[in-house]
């Protein structure tokens, strides 16, 4: 699939250049949120993973780098981002275990079979329609606002795709966690692990919530210690975040 050459690309790397992730300079660009979500996933052996709303494919790329035995499927509604993910798959020589499809989470059965994934990971649109002035055709706006799919649509798609007793991992704004929790319960996705994410240690309000849920799981849920993105106001990452960007030890 050819990329849209009218948009300028940047060639970004992670893990000392071991992973390449090209992005549109003026389109949707991944943030630390995606890296947090990838590292929050618990992977067991030959796990089959769906990156729902994959954007540039960054979560799937990180998981493929960290876990050589996993196979990954990406899905996104934006054709430009599907093409970009495919290009990133090729650049990282991951075509044998990472593929991407163009599809709509609101009509997930047209793209993917039911209960076919061990793990679904999603960085869903954070903002409700009408929260700020956005273009309905803007790549970044579609990824961040509920323009093409609402949270309920993404949760329904995740519940459809994940196996019974399979896992769903999400990263979502802490201030909207109640909305997320009620949506998960409606889809029989039981909360299992929660980790609040703060920008700085002195902050009183968490910025994000990392969430793990299990389809038809039990009532027990663990709340993990806070995760801090920065250690100082100078923008330096905390040691926890630095470790997420460090390359794997040589085998």
C-alpha atoms as a PDB file:
ATOM      1  CA  UNK A   1       0.000   0.000   0.000  1.00  0.00           C
ATOM      2  CA  UNK A   2       1.611   3.316  -1.018  1.00  0.00           C
ATOM      3  CA  UNK A   3       1.918   6.034   1.603  1.00  0.00           C
ATOM      4  CA  UNK A   4       0.365   9.446   1.143  1.00  0.00           C
ATOM      5  CA  UNK A   5       3.424  11.264  -0.153  1.00  0.00           C
ATOM      6  CA  UNK A   6       1.735  14.676   0.150  1.00  0.00           C
ATOM      7  CA  UNK A   7       2.242  14.485   3.942  1.00  0.00           C
ATOM      8  CA  UNK A   8       5.758  14.859   5.276  1.00  0.00           C
ATOM      9  CA  UNK A   9       7.060  11.938   7.328  1.00  0.00           C
ATOM     10  CA  UNK A  10       9.466  11.847  10.237  1.00  0.00           C
ATOM     11  CA  UNK A  11      11.599   8.779  10.929  1.00  0.00           C
ATOM     12  CA  UNK A  12      11.536   8.209  14.675  1.00  0.00           C
ATOM     13  CA  UNK A  13      13.324   5.435  16.523  1.00  0.00           C
ATOM     14  CA  UNK A  14      13.188   3.701  19.885  1.00  0.00           C
ATOM     15  CA  UNK A  15      15.553   1.399  21.764  1.00  0.00           C
ATOM     16  CA  UNK A  16      18.735   2.949  20.387  1.00  0.00           C
ATOM     17  CA  UNK A  17      17.482   2.621  16.832  1.00  0.00           C
ATOM     18  CA  UNK A  18      16.378  -1.014  17.087  1.00  0.00           C
ATOM     19  CA  UNK A  19      12.782  -0.010  16.340  1.00  0.00           C
ATOM     20  CA  UNK A  20      11.681   2.395  13.609  1.00  0.00           C
ATOM     21  CA  UNK A  21       8.356   4.219  13.687  1.00  0.00           C
ATOM     22  CA  UNK A  22       7.752   6.689  10.881  1.00  0.00           C
ATOM     23  CA  UNK A  23       4.989   9.218  11.549  1.00  0.00           C
ATOM     24  CA  UNK A  24       3.229  12.001   9.682  1.00  0.00           C
ATOM     25  CA  UNK A  25       4.814  15.240  10.833  1.00  0.00           C
ATOM     26  CA  UNK A  26       1.496  17.087  10.921  1.00  0.00           C
ATOM     27  CA  UNK A  27      -0.857  14.169  11.596  1.00  0.00           C
ATOM     28  CA  UNK A  28      -1.468  11.917  14.563  1.00  0.00           C
ATOM     29  CA  UNK A  29       1.733  11.262  16.534  1.00  0.00           C
ATOM     30  CA  UNK A  30       2.143   8.791  19.350  1.00  0.00           C
ATOM     31  CA  UNK A  31       3.014   9.874  22.882  1.00  0.00           C
ATOM     32  CA  UNK A  32       4.275   8.229  26.051  1.00  0.00           C
ATOM     33  CA  UNK A  33       0.713   6.939  26.580  1.00  0.00           C
ATOM     34  CA  UNK A  34       1.254   4.269  23.916  1.00  0.00           C
ATOM     35  CA  UNK A  35       4.560   3.177  25.448  1.00  0.00           C
ATOM     36  CA  UNK A  36       2.874   2.920  28.864  1.00  0.00           C
ATOM     37  CA  UNK A  37       0.089   0.754  27.439  1.00  0.00           C
ATOM     38  CA  UNK A  38       2.541  -1.594  25.715  1.00  0.00           C
ATOM     39  CA  UNK A  39       4.588  -2.072  28.883  1.00  0.00           C
ATOM     40  CA  UNK A  40       1.454  -2.637  30.987  1.00  0.00           C
ATOM     41  CA  UNK A  41       0.566  -5.690  28.897  1.00  0.00           C
ATOM     42  CA  UNK A  42       1.384  -9.051  30.442  1.00  0.00           C
ATOM     43  CA  UNK A  43       2.453 -11.408  27.663  1.00  0.00           C
ATOM     44  CA  UNK A  44       2.577 -15.179  27.994  1.00  0.00           C
ATOM     45  CA  UNK A  45       4.444 -17.059  25.281  1.00  0.00           C
ATOM     46  CA  UNK A  46       2.784 -17.313  21.879  1.00  0.00           C
ATOM     47  CA  UNK A  47       0.123 -14.710  22.583  1.00  0.00           C
ATOM     48  CA  UNK A  48      -2.123 -13.346  19.821  1.00  0.00           C
ATOM     49  CA  UNK A  49      -2.609  -9.604  20.273  1.00  0.00           C
ATOM     50  CA  UNK A  50      -4.970  -7.069  18.712  1.00  0.00           C
ATOM     51  CA  UNK A  51      -3.911  -3.406  18.688  1.00  0.00           C
ATOM     52  CA  UNK A  52      -7.350  -1.817  18.354  1.00  0.00           C
ATOM     53  CA  UNK A  53      -7.139   1.649  16.769  1.00  0.00           C
ATOM     54  CA  UNK A  54      -3.468   1.125  16.038  1.00  0.00           C
ATOM     55  CA  UNK A  55      -2.553   4.538  14.592  1.00  0.00           C
ATOM     56  CA  UNK A  56       1.026   4.293  13.341  1.00  0.00           C
ATOM     57  CA  UNK A  57       1.299   0.808  14.864  1.00  0.00           C
ATOM     58  CA  UNK A  58       3.474   1.910  17.775  1.00  0.00           C
ATOM     59  CA  UNK A  59       1.949  -0.318  20.469  1.00  0.00           C
ATOM     60  CA  UNK A  60       2.198  -3.380  18.252  1.00  0.00           C
ATOM     61  CA  UNK A  61       5.746  -2.473  17.247  1.00  0.00           C
ATOM     62  CA  UNK A  62       6.838  -2.155  20.881  1.00  0.00           C
ATOM     63  CA  UNK A  63       5.184  -5.436  21.808  1.00  0.00           C
ATOM     64  CA  UNK A  64       6.805  -7.190  18.854  1.00  0.00           C
ATOM     65  CA  UNK A  65      10.199  -5.835  19.921  1.00  0.00           C
ATOM     66  CA  UNK A  66       9.782  -6.798  23.575  1.00  0.00           C
ATOM     67  CA  UNK A  67       8.167 -10.199  22.977  1.00  0.00           C
ATOM     68  CA  UNK A  68       9.583 -12.108  19.980  1.00  0.00           C
ATOM     69  CA  UNK A  69       6.986 -14.893  20.242  1.00  0.00           C
ATOM     70  CA  UNK A  70       3.816 -12.791  19.949  1.00  0.00           C
ATOM     71  CA  UNK A  71       1.768 -12.329  16.789  1.00  0.00           C
ATOM     72  CA  UNK A  72      -0.030  -9.030  16.332  1.00  0.00           C
ATOM     73  CA  UNK A  73      -2.958  -7.698  14.346  1.00  0.00           C
ATOM     74  CA  UNK A  74      -3.571  -3.971  14.027  1.00  0.00           C
ATOM     75  CA  UNK A  75      -6.846  -2.331  13.056  1.00  0.00           C
ATOM     76  CA  UNK A  76      -7.592   1.305  12.298  1.00  0.00           C
ATOM     77  CA  UNK A  77     -10.370   3.238  10.586  1.00  0.00           C
ATOM     78  CA  UNK A  78      -8.018   5.735   8.912  1.00  0.00           C
ATOM     79  CA  UNK A  79      -6.590   4.421   5.636  1.00  0.00           C
ATOM     80  CA  UNK A  80      -3.544   6.701   5.844  1.00  0.00           C
ATOM     81  CA  UNK A  81      -2.635   5.286   9.239  1.00  0.00           C
ATOM     82  CA  UNK A  82      -3.188   1.704   8.093  1.00  0.00           C
ATOM     83  CA  UNK A  83      -0.787   2.353   5.212  1.00  0.00           C
ATOM     84  CA  UNK A  84       1.682   3.941   7.619  1.00  0.00           C
ATOM     85  CA  UNK A  85       1.489   0.966   9.993  1.00  0.00           C
ATOM     86  CA  UNK A  86       2.097  -1.383   7.077  1.00  0.00           C
ATOM     87  CA  UNK A  87       5.149   0.647   6.100  1.00  0.00           C
ATOM     88  CA  UNK A  88       6.451   0.501   9.678  1.00  0.00           C
ATOM     89  CA  UNK A  89       5.900  -3.264   9.755  1.00  0.00           C
ATOM     90  CA  UNK A  90       7.994  -3.614   6.613  1.00  0.00           C
ATOM     91  CA  UNK A  91      10.741  -1.289   7.849  1.00  0.00           C
ATOM     92  CA  UNK A  92      11.086  -3.383  11.009  1.00  0.00           C
ATOM     93  CA  UNK A  93      10.906  -6.683   9.086  1.00  0.00           C
ATOM     94  CA  UNK A  94       7.927  -7.866  11.129  1.00  0.00           C
ATOM     95  CA  UNK A  95       5.663  -8.990   8.298  1.00  0.00           C
ATOM     96  CA  UNK A  96       5.835 -12.611   9.459  1.00  0.00           C
ATOM     97  CA  UNK A  97       4.058 -11.829  12.747  1.00  0.00           C
ATOM     98  CA  UNK A  98       2.437  -8.400  12.479  1.00  0.00           C
ATOM     99  CA  UNK A  99      -0.314  -7.471  10.047  1.00  0.00           C
ATOM    100  CA  UNK A 100      -2.766  -4.598   9.839  1.00  0.00           C
ATOM    101  CA  UNK A 101      -6.292  -4.260   8.445  1.00  0.00           C
ATOM    102  CA  UNK A 102      -8.408  -1.279   7.521  1.00  0.00           C
ATOM    103  CA  UNK A 103     -11.653  -1.524   9.469  1.00  0.00           C
ATOM    104  CA  UNK A 104     -14.263   0.201  11.608  1.00  0.00           C
ATOM    105  CA  UNK A 105     -14.492  -0.772  15.288  1.00  0.00           C
ATOM    106  CA  UNK A 106     -18.210   0.015  15.168  1.00  0.00           C
ATOM    107  CA  UNK A 107     -18.625  -2.867  12.685  1.00  0.00           C
ATOM    108  CA  UNK A 108     -15.874  -5.100  14.009  1.00  0.00           C
ATOM    109  CA  UNK A 109     -17.413  -8.382  12.823  1.00  0.00           C
ATOM    110  CA  UNK A 110     -16.864  -7.266   9.224  1.00  0.00           C
ATOM    111  CA  UNK A 111     -13.096  -7.171   9.824  1.00  0.00           C
ATOM    112  CA  UNK A 112     -12.188  -9.736  12.491  1.00  0.00           C
ATOM    113  CA  UNK A 113     -13.585 -13.028  13.828  1.00  0.00           C
ATOM    114  CA  UNK A 114     -15.053 -13.234  17.340  1.00  0.00           C
ATOM    115  CA  UNK A 115     -13.006 -14.319  20.364  1.00  0.00           C
ATOM    116  CA  UNK A 116      -9.846 -14.723  18.293  1.00  0.00           C
ATOM    117  CA  UNK A 117      -7.301 -12.826  20.442  1.00  0.00           C
ATOM    118  CA  UNK A 118      -5.666 -13.575  23.790  1.00  0.00           C
ATOM    119  CA  UNK A 119      -5.079  -9.875  24.416  1.00  0.00           C
ATOM    120  CA  UNK A 120      -6.621  -6.674  23.083  1.00  0.00           C
ATOM    121  CA  UNK A 121      -4.772  -3.434  23.776  1.00  0.00           C
ATOM    122  CA  UNK A 122      -6.288  -0.043  23.028  1.00  0.00           C
ATOM    123  CA  UNK A 123      -5.414   3.625  23.413  1.00  0.00           C
ATOM    124  CA  UNK A 124      -8.950   4.871  22.651  1.00  0.00           C
ATOM    125  CA  UNK A 125     -10.051   8.402  21.751  1.00  0.00           C
ATOM    126  CA  UNK A 126      -9.884  10.424  24.964  1.00  0.00           C
ATOM    127  CA  UNK A 127     -12.103  13.392  24.316  1.00  0.00           C
ATOM    128  CA  UNK A 128     -15.834  13.614  23.829  1.00  0.00           C
ATOM    129  CA  UNK A 129     -17.279  15.174  20.708  1.00  0.00           C
ATOM    130  CA  UNK A 130     -17.555  18.925  21.154  1.00  0.00           C
ATOM    131  CA  UNK A 131     -14.646  19.273  23.591  1.00  0.00           C
ATOM    132  CA  UNK A 132     -12.700  21.856  21.629  1.00  0.00           C
ATOM    133  CA  UNK A 133     -12.742  22.924  17.980  1.00  0.00           C
ATOM    134  CA  UNK A 134     -11.661  20.071  15.725  1.00  0.00           C
ATOM    135  CA  UNK A 135     -11.908  19.120  12.078  1.00  0.00           C
ATOM    136  CA  UNK A 136     -13.894  15.956  11.453  1.00  0.00           C
ATOM    137  CA  UNK A 137     -11.365  15.002   8.774  1.00  0.00           C
ATOM    138  CA  UNK A 138      -8.220  15.784  10.762  1.00  0.00           C
ATOM    139  CA  UNK A 139      -6.060  12.705  11.374  1.00  0.00           C
ATOM    140  CA  UNK A 140      -5.083  13.636  14.919  1.00  0.00           C
ATOM    141  CA  UNK A 141      -8.597  14.766  15.855  1.00  0.00           C
ATOM    142  CA  UNK A 142     -10.111  11.455  14.766  1.00  0.00           C
ATOM    143  CA  UNK A 143      -7.548   9.579  16.871  1.00  0.00           C
ATOM    144  CA  UNK A 144      -8.084  11.723  19.990  1.00  0.00           C
ATOM    145  CA  UNK A 145     -11.776  12.693  19.859  1.00  0.00           C
ATOM    146  CA  UNK A 146     -14.840  10.461  19.680  1.00  0.00           C
ATOM    147  CA  UNK A 147     -15.572  11.471  16.083  1.00  0.00           C
ATOM    148  CA  UNK A 148     -15.545   8.089  14.354  1.00  0.00           C
ATOM    149  CA  UNK A 149     -16.063   5.845  17.403  1.00  0.00           C
ATOM    150  CA  UNK A 150     -17.048   6.418  21.020  1.00  0.00           C
ATOM    151  CA  UNK A 151     -15.539   4.618  24.001  1.00  0.00           C
ATOM    152  CA  UNK A 152     -18.527   2.254  24.079  1.00  0.00           C
ATOM    153  CA  UNK A 153     -17.795   1.250  20.482  1.00  0.00           C
ATOM    154  CA  UNK A 154     -14.158   0.467  21.283  1.00  0.00           C
ATOM    155  CA  UNK A 155     -15.088  -1.558  24.360  1.00  0.00           C
ATOM    156  CA  UNK A 156     -17.707  -3.491  22.410  1.00  0.00           C
ATOM    157  CA  UNK A 157     -15.116  -4.275  19.729  1.00  0.00           C
ATOM    158  CA  UNK A 158     -12.579  -5.364  22.341  1.00  0.00           C
ATOM    159  CA  UNK A 159     -15.131  -7.621  24.060  1.00  0.00           C
ATOM    160  CA  UNK A 160     -16.081  -9.117  20.688  1.00  0.00           C
ATOM    161  CA  UNK A 161     -12.496  -9.901  19.707  1.00  0.00           C
ATOM    162  CA  UNK A 162     -10.978 -11.140  22.971  1.00  0.00           C
ATOM    163  CA  UNK A 163     -11.302 -14.767  24.011  1.00  0.00           C
ATOM    164  CA  UNK A 164     -13.290 -15.770  27.072  1.00  0.00           C
ATOM    165  CA  UNK A 165     -10.991 -15.109  30.056  1.00  0.00           C
ATOM    166  CA  UNK A 166      -8.780 -13.121  27.720  1.00  0.00           C
ATOM    167  CA  UNK A 167      -7.311  -9.757  28.649  1.00  0.00           C
ATOM    168  CA  UNK A 168      -8.042  -6.175  27.578  1.00  0.00           C
ATOM    169  CA  UNK A 169      -5.533  -3.402  28.347  1.00  0.00           C
ATOM    170  CA  UNK A 170      -6.360   0.294  28.006  1.00  0.00           C
ATOM    171  CA  UNK A 171      -4.833   3.656  28.854  1.00  0.00           C
ATOM    172  CA  UNK A 172      -7.392   6.371  29.590  1.00  0.00           C
ATOM    173  CA  UNK A 173      -7.643   9.764  31.324  1.00  0.00           C
ATOM    174  CA  UNK A 174      -7.989   9.357  35.085  1.00  0.00           C
ATOM    175  CA  UNK A 175     -10.727  12.018  35.250  1.00  0.00           C
ATOM    176  CA  UNK A 176     -12.906   9.834  32.997  1.00  0.00           C
ATOM    177  CA  UNK A 177     -12.163   6.564  34.752  1.00  0.00           C
ATOM    178  CA  UNK A 178     -15.708   6.204  36.132  1.00  0.00           C
ATOM    179  CA  UNK A 179     -17.005   6.354  32.559  1.00  0.00           C
ATOM    180  CA  UNK A 180     -14.509   3.681  31.522  1.00  0.00           C
ATOM    181  CA  UNK A 181     -15.270   1.437  34.506  1.00  0.00           C
ATOM    182  CA  UNK A 182     -19.015   1.470  33.847  1.00  0.00           C
ATOM    183  CA  UNK A 183     -18.425   0.704  30.168  1.00  0.00           C
ATOM    184  CA  UNK A 184     -16.170  -2.236  30.998  1.00  0.00           C
ATOM    185  CA  UNK A 185     -18.723  -3.672  33.420  1.00  0.00           C
ATOM    186  CA  UNK A 186     -21.448  -3.410  30.784  1.00  0.00           C
ATOM    187  CA  UNK A 187     -19.341  -5.531  28.410  1.00  0.00           C
ATOM    188  CA  UNK A 188     -18.507  -8.132  31.114  1.00  0.00           C
ATOM    189  CA  UNK A 189     -14.883  -7.005  31.194  1.00  0.00           C
ATOM    190  CA  UNK A 190     -13.905  -7.297  34.858  1.00  0.00           C
ATOM    191  CA  UNK A 191     -11.252  -4.968  36.266  1.00  0.00           C
ATOM    192  CA  UNK A 192      -8.119  -6.857  37.342  1.00  0.00           C
ATOM    193  CA  UNK A 193      -5.237  -4.357  37.591  1.00  0.00           C
ATOM    194  CA  UNK A 194      -5.213  -0.573  37.859  1.00  0.00           C
ATOM    195  CA  UNK A 195      -2.242   1.778  37.934  1.00  0.00           C
ATOM    196  CA  UNK A 196      -2.621   5.553  38.262  1.00  0.00           C
ATOM    197  CA  UNK A 197      -0.134   7.592  36.234  1.00  0.00           C
ATOM    198  CA  UNK A 198       0.957  11.040  37.436  1.00  0.00           C
ATOM    199  CA  UNK A 199       3.003  13.597  35.546  1.00  0.00           C
ATOM    200  CA  UNK A 200       5.071  14.521  38.645  1.00  0.00           C
ATOM    201  CA  UNK A 201       5.456  13.034  42.152  1.00  0.00           C
ATOM    202  CA  UNK A 202       4.009  16.168  43.765  1.00  0.00           C
ATOM    203  CA  UNK A 203       0.831  16.146  41.650  1.00  0.00           C
ATOM    204  CA  UNK A 204      -2.408  15.468  43.519  1.00  0.00           C
ATOM    205  CA  UNK A 205      -4.429  14.450  40.442  1.00  0.00           C
ATOM    206  CA  UNK A 206      -3.493  11.421  38.339  1.00  0.00           C
ATOM    207  CA  UNK A 207      -3.216  12.119  34.625  1.00  0.00           C
ATOM    208  CA  UNK A 208      -3.925   8.640  33.280  1.00  0.00           C
ATOM    209  CA  UNK A 209      -5.119   5.242  34.400  1.00  0.00           C
ATOM    210  CA  UNK A 210      -3.606   2.031  33.087  1.00  0.00           C
ATOM    211  CA  UNK A 211      -6.269  -0.645  33.122  1.00  0.00           C
ATOM    212  CA  UNK A 212      -6.272  -4.412  32.716  1.00  0.00           C
ATOM    213  CA  UNK A 213      -9.611  -6.206  32.469  1.00  0.00           C
ATOM    214  CA  UNK A 214     -10.526  -9.849  31.893  1.00  0.00           C
ATOM    215  CA  UNK A 215     -13.522 -11.026  29.913  1.00  0.00           C
ATOM    216  CA  UNK A 216     -15.898 -12.749  32.356  1.00  0.00           C
ATOM    217  CA  UNK A 217     -13.277 -12.480  35.082  1.00  0.00           C
ATOM    218  CA  UNK A 218     -13.891 -12.559  38.830  1.00  0.00           C
ATOM    219  CA  UNK A 219     -14.223  -9.694  41.301  1.00  0.00           C
ATOM    220  CA  UNK A 220     -10.646  -9.482  42.601  1.00  0.00           C
ATOM    221  CA  UNK A 221      -8.741  -6.355  41.468  1.00  0.00           C
ATOM    222  CA  UNK A 222      -5.253  -5.080  42.312  1.00  0.00           C
ATOM    223  CA  UNK A 223      -4.375  -1.383  42.530  1.00  0.00           C
ATOM    224  CA  UNK A 224      -0.698  -0.908  41.764  1.00  0.00           C
ATOM    225  CA  UNK A 225       1.581   1.841  43.119  1.00  0.00           C
ATOM    226  CA  UNK A 226       1.549   5.174  41.246  1.00  0.00           C
ATOM    227  CA  UNK A 227       3.691   5.589  38.155  1.00  0.00           C
ATOM    228  CA  UNK A 228       5.357   8.992  37.631  1.00  0.00           C
ATOM    229  CA  UNK A 229       6.242  10.125  34.118  1.00  0.00           C
ATOM    230  CA  UNK A 230       8.716  12.853  35.132  1.00  0.00           C
ATOM    231  CA  UNK A 231      10.996  13.138  38.135  1.00  0.00           C
ATOM    232  CA  UNK A 232      11.515  16.921  37.827  1.00  0.00           C
ATOM    233  CA  UNK A 233       9.892  19.925  36.208  1.00  0.00           C
ATOM    234  CA  UNK A 234      12.825  20.109  33.776  1.00  0.00           C
ATOM    235  CA  UNK A 235      11.182  17.371  31.716  1.00  0.00           C
ATOM    236  CA  UNK A 236      13.518  14.541  32.716  1.00  0.00           C
ATOM    237  CA  UNK A 237      11.805  11.176  32.681  1.00  0.00           C
ATOM    238  CA  UNK A 238      11.531   9.193  35.904  1.00  0.00           C
ATOM    239  CA  UNK A 239      13.632   6.072  36.243  1.00  0.00           C
ATOM    240  CA  UNK A 240      10.512   3.948  35.648  1.00  0.00           C
ATOM    241  CA  UNK A 241       9.890   5.605  32.300  1.00  0.00           C
ATOM    242  CA  UNK A 242      13.557   5.605  31.321  1.00  0.00           C
ATOM    243  CA  UNK A 243      13.588   1.837  31.747  1.00  0.00           C
ATOM    244  CA  UNK A 244      10.707   1.522  29.286  1.00  0.00           C
ATOM    245  CA  UNK A 245      12.852   3.153  26.607  1.00  0.00           C
ATOM    246  CA  UNK A 246      16.008   1.161  27.289  1.00  0.00           C
ATOM    247  CA  UNK A 247      16.940  -1.499  24.718  1.00  0.00           C
ATOM    248  CA  UNK A 248      16.688  -5.166  25.600  1.00  0.00           C
ATOM    249  CA  UNK A 249      19.896  -6.794  26.829  1.00  0.00           C
ATOM    250  CA  UNK A 250      21.762  -8.585  24.063  1.00  0.00           C
ATOM    251  CA  UNK A 251      20.902 -12.277  23.982  1.00  0.00           C
END
